[in-house]
N, C-alpha and C. Protein backbone atom coordinates (compact mmCIF):
# COMPACT_ATOMS: atom_id res chain seq x y z
N MET A 1 0.85 -1.16 0.00
CA MET A 1 0.00 0.00 0.00
C MET A 1 0.90 1.24 0.00
N THR A 2 0.59 2.18 -0.86
CA THR A 2 1.40 3.38 -0.97
C THR A 2 0.54 4.62 -0.75
N GLU A 3 1.22 5.73 -0.54
CA GLU A 3 0.51 6.98 -0.48
C GLU A 3 0.49 7.60 -1.87
N ARG A 4 0.02 8.80 -1.99
CA ARG A 4 -0.25 9.42 -3.29
C ARG A 4 0.97 9.53 -4.19
N GLN A 5 2.16 9.71 -3.61
CA GLN A 5 3.35 9.90 -4.44
C GLN A 5 4.16 8.63 -4.63
N GLY A 6 3.74 7.55 -4.03
CA GLY A 6 4.42 6.28 -4.23
C GLY A 6 5.28 5.83 -3.07
N ILE A 7 5.27 6.55 -1.97
CA ILE A 7 6.03 6.13 -0.80
C ILE A 7 5.27 4.98 -0.13
N PRO A 8 5.94 3.86 0.10
CA PRO A 8 5.25 2.72 0.70
C PRO A 8 4.81 3.01 2.14
N LEU A 9 3.57 2.72 2.43
CA LEU A 9 3.06 2.84 3.79
C LEU A 9 3.08 1.50 4.51
N VAL A 10 2.68 0.46 3.81
CA VAL A 10 2.60 -0.89 4.38
C VAL A 10 3.07 -1.88 3.32
N SER A 11 3.83 -2.85 3.75
CA SER A 11 4.20 -3.96 2.85
C SER A 11 3.93 -5.26 3.59
N LEU A 12 3.06 -6.05 3.03
CA LEU A 12 2.72 -7.35 3.59
C LEU A 12 3.14 -8.43 2.62
N GLN A 13 3.58 -9.54 3.17
CA GLN A 13 4.01 -10.66 2.35
C GLN A 13 3.05 -11.82 2.57
N THR A 14 2.53 -12.37 1.47
CA THR A 14 1.64 -13.52 1.54
C THR A 14 2.11 -14.59 0.57
N ALA A 15 1.45 -15.70 0.58
CA ALA A 15 1.75 -16.75 -0.39
C ALA A 15 1.28 -16.32 -1.77
N ALA A 16 1.78 -16.98 -2.79
CA ALA A 16 1.44 -16.59 -4.16
C ALA A 16 -0.01 -16.90 -4.51
N ASN A 17 -0.61 -17.86 -3.84
CA ASN A 17 -1.97 -18.27 -4.19
C ASN A 17 -3.04 -17.61 -3.32
N VAL A 18 -2.70 -16.56 -2.59
CA VAL A 18 -3.66 -15.85 -1.74
C VAL A 18 -4.24 -14.67 -2.53
N ASN A 19 -5.55 -14.54 -2.51
CA ASN A 19 -6.22 -13.43 -3.17
C ASN A 19 -5.87 -12.13 -2.44
N GLU A 20 -5.54 -11.09 -3.20
CA GLU A 20 -5.15 -9.81 -2.60
C GLU A 20 -6.27 -9.18 -1.79
N GLY A 21 -7.49 -9.40 -2.21
CA GLY A 21 -8.62 -8.80 -1.52
C GLY A 21 -8.80 -9.29 -0.10
N THR A 22 -8.30 -10.49 0.20
CA THR A 22 -8.46 -11.02 1.55
C THR A 22 -7.54 -10.35 2.55
N VAL A 23 -6.45 -9.75 2.09
CA VAL A 23 -5.52 -9.09 3.02
C VAL A 23 -5.66 -7.57 3.00
N LEU A 24 -6.66 -7.07 2.30
CA LEU A 24 -6.85 -5.62 2.22
C LEU A 24 -7.06 -4.99 3.59
N LEU A 25 -7.93 -5.56 4.39
CA LEU A 25 -8.21 -4.98 5.70
C LEU A 25 -7.03 -5.12 6.65
N ASN A 26 -6.24 -6.18 6.51
CA ASN A 26 -5.02 -6.30 7.30
C ASN A 26 -4.03 -5.20 6.95
N ALA A 27 -3.95 -4.87 5.67
CA ALA A 27 -3.05 -3.80 5.24
C ALA A 27 -3.53 -2.44 5.75
N ILE A 28 -4.83 -2.22 5.74
CA ILE A 28 -5.38 -0.96 6.24
C ILE A 28 -5.09 -0.81 7.73
N ASP A 29 -5.28 -1.89 8.47
CA ASP A 29 -5.04 -1.84 9.91
C ASP A 29 -3.56 -1.72 10.27
N ALA A 30 -2.67 -2.08 9.35
CA ALA A 30 -1.24 -2.03 9.63
C ALA A 30 -0.62 -0.67 9.32
N ILE A 31 -1.39 0.26 8.79
CA ILE A 31 -0.84 1.59 8.46
C ILE A 31 -0.44 2.29 9.75
N PRO A 32 0.80 2.77 9.84
CA PRO A 32 1.21 3.50 11.04
C PRO A 32 0.59 4.90 11.07
N PRO A 33 0.54 5.53 12.24
CA PRO A 33 -0.02 6.89 12.32
C PRO A 33 0.77 7.87 11.45
N ILE A 34 0.06 8.72 10.75
CA ILE A 34 0.67 9.72 9.89
C ILE A 34 0.75 11.03 10.66
N LYS A 35 1.96 11.53 10.83
CA LYS A 35 2.18 12.73 11.63
C LYS A 35 1.72 13.97 10.87
N ARG A 36 0.99 14.82 11.55
CA ARG A 36 0.53 16.08 10.97
C ARG A 36 1.07 17.23 11.81
N PRO A 37 1.07 18.45 11.26
CA PRO A 37 1.59 19.58 12.04
C PRO A 37 0.83 19.83 13.34
N ARG A 38 -0.48 19.66 13.30
CA ARG A 38 -1.29 19.88 14.51
C ARG A 38 -2.26 18.74 14.70
N GLY A 39 -2.67 18.56 15.92
CA GLY A 39 -3.70 17.58 16.23
C GLY A 39 -3.18 16.16 16.33
N ARG A 40 -4.12 15.25 16.45
CA ARG A 40 -3.78 13.84 16.57
C ARG A 40 -3.23 13.31 15.25
N PRO A 41 -2.34 12.34 15.30
CA PRO A 41 -1.87 11.73 14.06
C PRO A 41 -3.02 11.00 13.36
N ARG A 42 -3.08 11.15 12.05
CA ARG A 42 -4.13 10.48 11.27
C ARG A 42 -3.76 9.01 11.13
N ARG A 43 -4.69 8.15 11.46
CA ARG A 43 -4.42 6.72 11.47
C ARG A 43 -4.68 6.07 10.11
N ARG A 44 -5.66 6.54 9.38
CA ARG A 44 -6.04 5.91 8.12
C ARG A 44 -6.20 6.96 7.02
N PRO A 45 -6.09 6.53 5.77
CA PRO A 45 -6.29 7.47 4.67
C PRO A 45 -7.76 7.86 4.54
N ALA A 46 -8.01 8.95 3.84
CA ALA A 46 -9.39 9.39 3.61
C ALA A 46 -10.04 8.61 2.48
N LYS A 47 -9.26 8.25 1.44
CA LYS A 47 -9.77 7.48 0.30
C LYS A 47 -8.83 6.34 -0.01
N LEU A 48 -9.38 5.34 -0.66
CA LEU A 48 -8.58 4.21 -1.09
C LEU A 48 -8.92 3.91 -2.54
N HIS A 49 -7.93 4.00 -3.42
CA HIS A 49 -8.10 3.65 -4.82
C HIS A 49 -7.59 2.23 -5.01
N ALA A 50 -8.40 1.39 -5.62
CA ALA A 50 -8.01 -0.01 -5.84
C ALA A 50 -8.60 -0.51 -7.15
N ASP A 51 -8.02 -1.58 -7.67
CA ASP A 51 -8.52 -2.13 -8.92
C ASP A 51 -9.60 -3.18 -8.64
N LYS A 52 -10.01 -3.85 -9.70
CA LYS A 52 -11.16 -4.76 -9.60
C LYS A 52 -10.90 -5.99 -8.72
N ALA A 53 -9.65 -6.29 -8.41
CA ALA A 53 -9.34 -7.44 -7.57
C ALA A 53 -9.86 -7.24 -6.15
N TYR A 54 -10.07 -6.00 -5.74
CA TYR A 54 -10.52 -5.70 -4.38
C TYR A 54 -12.03 -5.46 -4.31
N HIS A 55 -12.73 -5.72 -5.40
CA HIS A 55 -14.16 -5.51 -5.45
C HIS A 55 -14.88 -6.49 -4.52
N GLY A 56 -15.88 -5.99 -3.85
CA GLY A 56 -16.69 -6.84 -2.99
C GLY A 56 -17.48 -5.98 -2.01
N ARG A 57 -18.71 -6.33 -1.82
CA ARG A 57 -19.59 -5.54 -0.93
C ARG A 57 -19.07 -5.52 0.50
N ALA A 58 -18.58 -6.65 0.97
CA ALA A 58 -18.09 -6.73 2.35
C ALA A 58 -16.86 -5.83 2.55
N ARG A 59 -15.97 -5.79 1.56
CA ARG A 59 -14.79 -4.93 1.68
C ARG A 59 -15.17 -3.45 1.63
N ARG A 60 -16.10 -3.10 0.76
CA ARG A 60 -16.56 -1.71 0.69
C ARG A 60 -17.20 -1.28 2.01
N ASP A 61 -18.03 -2.14 2.58
CA ASP A 61 -18.68 -1.81 3.86
C ASP A 61 -17.66 -1.72 4.99
N ALA A 62 -16.66 -2.60 4.98
CA ALA A 62 -15.62 -2.55 6.01
C ALA A 62 -14.80 -1.27 5.91
N LEU A 63 -14.54 -0.82 4.69
CA LEU A 63 -13.81 0.44 4.52
C LEU A 63 -14.65 1.62 4.99
N ARG A 64 -15.93 1.60 4.68
CA ARG A 64 -16.81 2.70 5.13
C ARG A 64 -16.92 2.74 6.65
N ARG A 65 -16.93 1.58 7.30
CA ARG A 65 -16.95 1.54 8.77
C ARG A 65 -15.68 2.15 9.36
N ARG A 66 -14.59 2.08 8.61
CA ARG A 66 -13.33 2.68 9.05
C ARG A 66 -13.20 4.14 8.60
N HIS A 67 -14.27 4.70 8.05
CA HIS A 67 -14.33 6.10 7.57
C HIS A 67 -13.36 6.33 6.41
N ILE A 68 -13.28 5.36 5.51
CA ILE A 68 -12.45 5.47 4.31
C ILE A 68 -13.39 5.38 3.11
N THR A 69 -13.27 6.33 2.20
CA THR A 69 -14.09 6.33 0.99
C THR A 69 -13.47 5.37 -0.02
N PRO A 70 -14.18 4.28 -0.37
CA PRO A 70 -13.60 3.33 -1.34
C PRO A 70 -13.78 3.82 -2.77
N ARG A 71 -12.72 3.81 -3.53
CA ARG A 71 -12.73 4.09 -4.96
C ARG A 71 -12.27 2.83 -5.67
N ILE A 72 -13.15 1.84 -5.70
CA ILE A 72 -12.81 0.52 -6.23
C ILE A 72 -13.60 0.31 -7.52
N ALA A 73 -12.89 -0.06 -8.57
CA ALA A 73 -13.55 -0.33 -9.86
C ALA A 73 -14.47 -1.53 -9.73
N ARG A 74 -15.63 -1.44 -10.37
CA ARG A 74 -16.60 -2.53 -10.32
C ARG A 74 -16.57 -3.28 -11.65
N PRO A 75 -16.52 -4.61 -11.60
CA PRO A 75 -16.50 -5.38 -12.85
C PRO A 75 -17.78 -5.19 -13.65
N GLY A 76 -17.63 -4.94 -14.94
CA GLY A 76 -18.78 -4.77 -15.81
C GLY A 76 -19.37 -3.38 -15.80
N VAL A 77 -18.98 -2.53 -14.86
CA VAL A 77 -19.53 -1.18 -14.76
C VAL A 77 -18.46 -0.14 -15.08
N ASP A 78 -17.33 -0.21 -14.38
CA ASP A 78 -16.25 0.76 -14.57
C ASP A 78 -15.22 0.22 -15.54
N ALA A 79 -14.68 1.10 -16.35
CA ALA A 79 -13.64 0.71 -17.30
C ALA A 79 -12.31 0.57 -16.56
N SER A 80 -11.46 -0.29 -17.06
CA SER A 80 -10.16 -0.50 -16.44
C SER A 80 -9.27 0.73 -16.57
N THR A 81 -9.49 1.52 -17.60
CA THR A 81 -8.64 2.69 -17.82
C THR A 81 -8.98 3.83 -16.88
N HIS A 82 -10.16 3.82 -16.30
CA HIS A 82 -10.57 4.92 -15.42
C HIS A 82 -9.70 5.01 -14.17
N LEU A 83 -9.32 3.88 -13.61
CA LEU A 83 -8.54 3.87 -12.39
C LEU A 83 -7.04 3.96 -12.66
N GLY A 84 -6.65 3.90 -13.91
CA GLY A 84 -5.24 3.94 -14.26
C GLY A 84 -4.53 5.20 -13.84
N ARG A 85 -5.27 6.29 -13.69
CA ARG A 85 -4.66 7.55 -13.26
C ARG A 85 -4.04 7.42 -11.89
N HIS A 86 -4.61 6.58 -11.05
CA HIS A 86 -4.12 6.42 -9.69
C HIS A 86 -3.32 5.15 -9.51
N ARG A 87 -3.61 4.13 -10.29
CA ARG A 87 -2.98 2.82 -10.13
C ARG A 87 -1.52 2.83 -10.57
N TRP A 88 -1.12 3.70 -11.49
CA TRP A 88 0.24 3.69 -12.00
C TRP A 88 1.23 4.03 -10.90
N VAL A 89 0.81 4.75 -9.87
CA VAL A 89 1.70 5.09 -8.76
C VAL A 89 2.13 3.82 -8.04
N VAL A 90 1.19 2.91 -7.83
CA VAL A 90 1.51 1.65 -7.16
C VAL A 90 2.41 0.79 -8.06
N GLU A 91 2.11 0.77 -9.35
CA GLU A 91 2.93 -0.01 -10.27
C GLU A 91 4.35 0.56 -10.34
N ARG A 92 4.49 1.87 -10.26
CA ARG A 92 5.82 2.48 -10.25
C ARG A 92 6.58 2.09 -8.99
N THR A 93 5.89 2.03 -7.87
CA THR A 93 6.53 1.61 -6.63
C THR A 93 7.00 0.16 -6.72
N PHE A 94 6.19 -0.70 -7.36
CA PHE A 94 6.64 -2.08 -7.60
C PHE A 94 7.90 -2.09 -8.47
N ALA A 95 7.96 -1.23 -9.46
CA ALA A 95 9.15 -1.17 -10.31
C ALA A 95 10.36 -0.71 -9.50
N TRP A 96 10.17 0.24 -8.59
CA TRP A 96 11.27 0.67 -7.72
C TRP A 96 11.73 -0.47 -6.83
N LEU A 97 10.80 -1.26 -6.31
CA LEU A 97 11.18 -2.41 -5.48
C LEU A 97 11.91 -3.46 -6.31
N HIS A 98 11.51 -3.64 -7.56
CA HIS A 98 12.13 -4.66 -8.39
C HIS A 98 13.49 -4.25 -8.93
N ARG A 99 13.91 -3.01 -8.66
CA ARG A 99 15.29 -2.65 -8.97
C ARG A 99 16.25 -3.45 -8.10
N ASN A 100 15.76 -3.89 -6.94
CA ASN A 100 16.55 -4.75 -6.07
C ASN A 100 16.36 -6.19 -6.53
N ARG A 101 17.43 -6.79 -7.01
CA ARG A 101 17.32 -8.09 -7.66
C ARG A 101 16.77 -9.17 -6.73
N ARG A 102 17.07 -9.08 -5.46
CA ARG A 102 16.60 -10.10 -4.53
C ARG A 102 15.09 -10.06 -4.35
N LEU A 103 14.46 -8.97 -4.67
CA LEU A 103 13.00 -8.89 -4.58
C LEU A 103 12.34 -9.30 -5.89
N LEU A 104 13.05 -9.18 -6.97
CA LEU A 104 12.49 -9.56 -8.27
C LEU A 104 12.44 -11.09 -8.42
N VAL A 105 13.55 -11.72 -8.07
CA VAL A 105 13.64 -13.18 -8.12
C VAL A 105 13.83 -13.66 -6.69
N ARG A 106 13.04 -14.62 -6.30
CA ARG A 106 13.12 -15.11 -4.92
C ARG A 106 14.25 -16.14 -4.80
N TYR A 107 15.29 -15.75 -4.05
CA TYR A 107 16.42 -16.64 -3.82
C TYR A 107 16.32 -17.30 -2.44
N GLU A 108 15.65 -16.66 -1.50
CA GLU A 108 15.60 -17.15 -0.13
C GLU A 108 14.47 -18.15 0.05
N ARG A 109 14.71 -19.12 0.89
CA ARG A 109 13.66 -20.07 1.24
C ARG A 109 12.89 -19.62 2.46
N ARG A 110 13.55 -18.90 3.35
CA ARG A 110 12.92 -18.48 4.60
C ARG A 110 12.13 -17.19 4.40
N ASP A 111 10.91 -17.18 4.93
CA ASP A 111 10.03 -16.02 4.76
C ASP A 111 10.53 -14.81 5.52
N ASP A 112 11.16 -15.00 6.67
CA ASP A 112 11.61 -13.85 7.46
C ASP A 112 12.73 -13.09 6.77
N ILE A 113 13.59 -13.81 6.04
CA ILE A 113 14.65 -13.13 5.30
C ILE A 113 14.06 -12.37 4.12
N ARG A 114 13.11 -12.97 3.44
CA ARG A 114 12.43 -12.30 2.32
C ARG A 114 11.71 -11.04 2.81
N ALA A 115 11.02 -11.14 3.96
CA ALA A 115 10.33 -9.97 4.52
C ALA A 115 11.32 -8.88 4.90
N ALA A 116 12.49 -9.28 5.41
CA ALA A 116 13.51 -8.29 5.76
C ALA A 116 13.99 -7.54 4.52
N PHE A 117 14.21 -8.25 3.43
CA PHE A 117 14.62 -7.59 2.19
C PHE A 117 13.50 -6.70 1.64
N LEU A 118 12.26 -7.11 1.81
CA LEU A 118 11.13 -6.29 1.37
C LEU A 118 11.08 -4.99 2.17
N HIS A 119 11.23 -5.07 3.47
CA HIS A 119 11.22 -3.86 4.30
C HIS A 119 12.44 -2.98 4.02
N LEU A 120 13.57 -3.60 3.75
CA LEU A 120 14.76 -2.83 3.39
C LEU A 120 14.56 -2.10 2.06
N GLY A 121 13.94 -2.77 1.08
CA GLY A 121 13.65 -2.10 -0.19
C GLY A 121 12.70 -0.93 -0.01
N CYS A 122 11.68 -1.08 0.85
CA CYS A 122 10.76 0.03 1.13
C CYS A 122 11.48 1.17 1.83
N ALA A 123 12.39 0.83 2.73
CA ALA A 123 13.17 1.86 3.42
C ALA A 123 14.06 2.63 2.44
N LEU A 124 14.62 1.93 1.46
CA LEU A 124 15.45 2.60 0.46
C LEU A 124 14.62 3.56 -0.40
N ILE A 125 13.39 3.18 -0.71
CA ILE A 125 12.51 4.08 -1.46
C ILE A 125 12.21 5.32 -0.63
N CYS A 126 11.89 5.14 0.64
CA CYS A 126 11.62 6.29 1.52
C CYS A 126 12.85 7.17 1.64
N TRP A 127 14.03 6.55 1.74
CA TRP A 127 15.27 7.31 1.87
C TRP A 127 15.57 8.11 0.61
N SER A 128 15.26 7.53 -0.55
CA SER A 128 15.51 8.27 -1.80
C SER A 128 14.57 9.47 -1.91
N PHE A 129 13.35 9.36 -1.38
CA PHE A 129 12.47 10.52 -1.36
C PHE A 129 13.02 11.60 -0.43
N CYS A 130 13.55 11.20 0.71
CA CYS A 130 14.10 12.18 1.66
C CYS A 130 15.36 12.82 1.12
N SER A 131 16.16 12.08 0.37
CA SER A 131 17.39 12.65 -0.17
C SER A 131 17.11 13.60 -1.32
N ASP A 132 15.92 13.55 -1.90
CA ASP A 132 15.56 14.47 -2.98
C ASP A 132 14.89 15.73 -2.45
N ASP A 133 15.20 16.12 -1.22
CA ASP A 133 14.64 17.32 -0.56
C ASP A 133 13.14 17.24 -0.46
N PHE A 134 12.60 16.03 -0.33
CA PHE A 134 11.17 15.87 -0.18
C PHE A 134 10.76 16.02 1.27
N CYS A 135 11.62 15.62 2.20
CA CYS A 135 11.28 15.64 3.63
C CYS A 135 11.35 17.05 4.20
């Protein structure tokens, strides 16, 4: 899960045969507090843009209960190109992660080592944003 500019907020690792929609709420709950200049830290985003893989009435209702506006494409109703304006940010973040060869091809057998490399890759992306006078 990324924010608007592509900085990773949450990275979860699952098996290859797990549907992405089943871990959506786990990813939402894993978002750390976002620091703001004043007031309480914001815990969750205001909107969530997702593709058709996350479609489902139960997921939409769960997001609304968390006060998040779902922007999820509906199969047969919304065109795939409509959400592309927002989805390319996530795809670009995947491309940044795949610059690290160990994340592109899985060499490790142990999940904890793979998760460590995933978190390290996300940290490198965050660091590159900070080094570009973004912070």
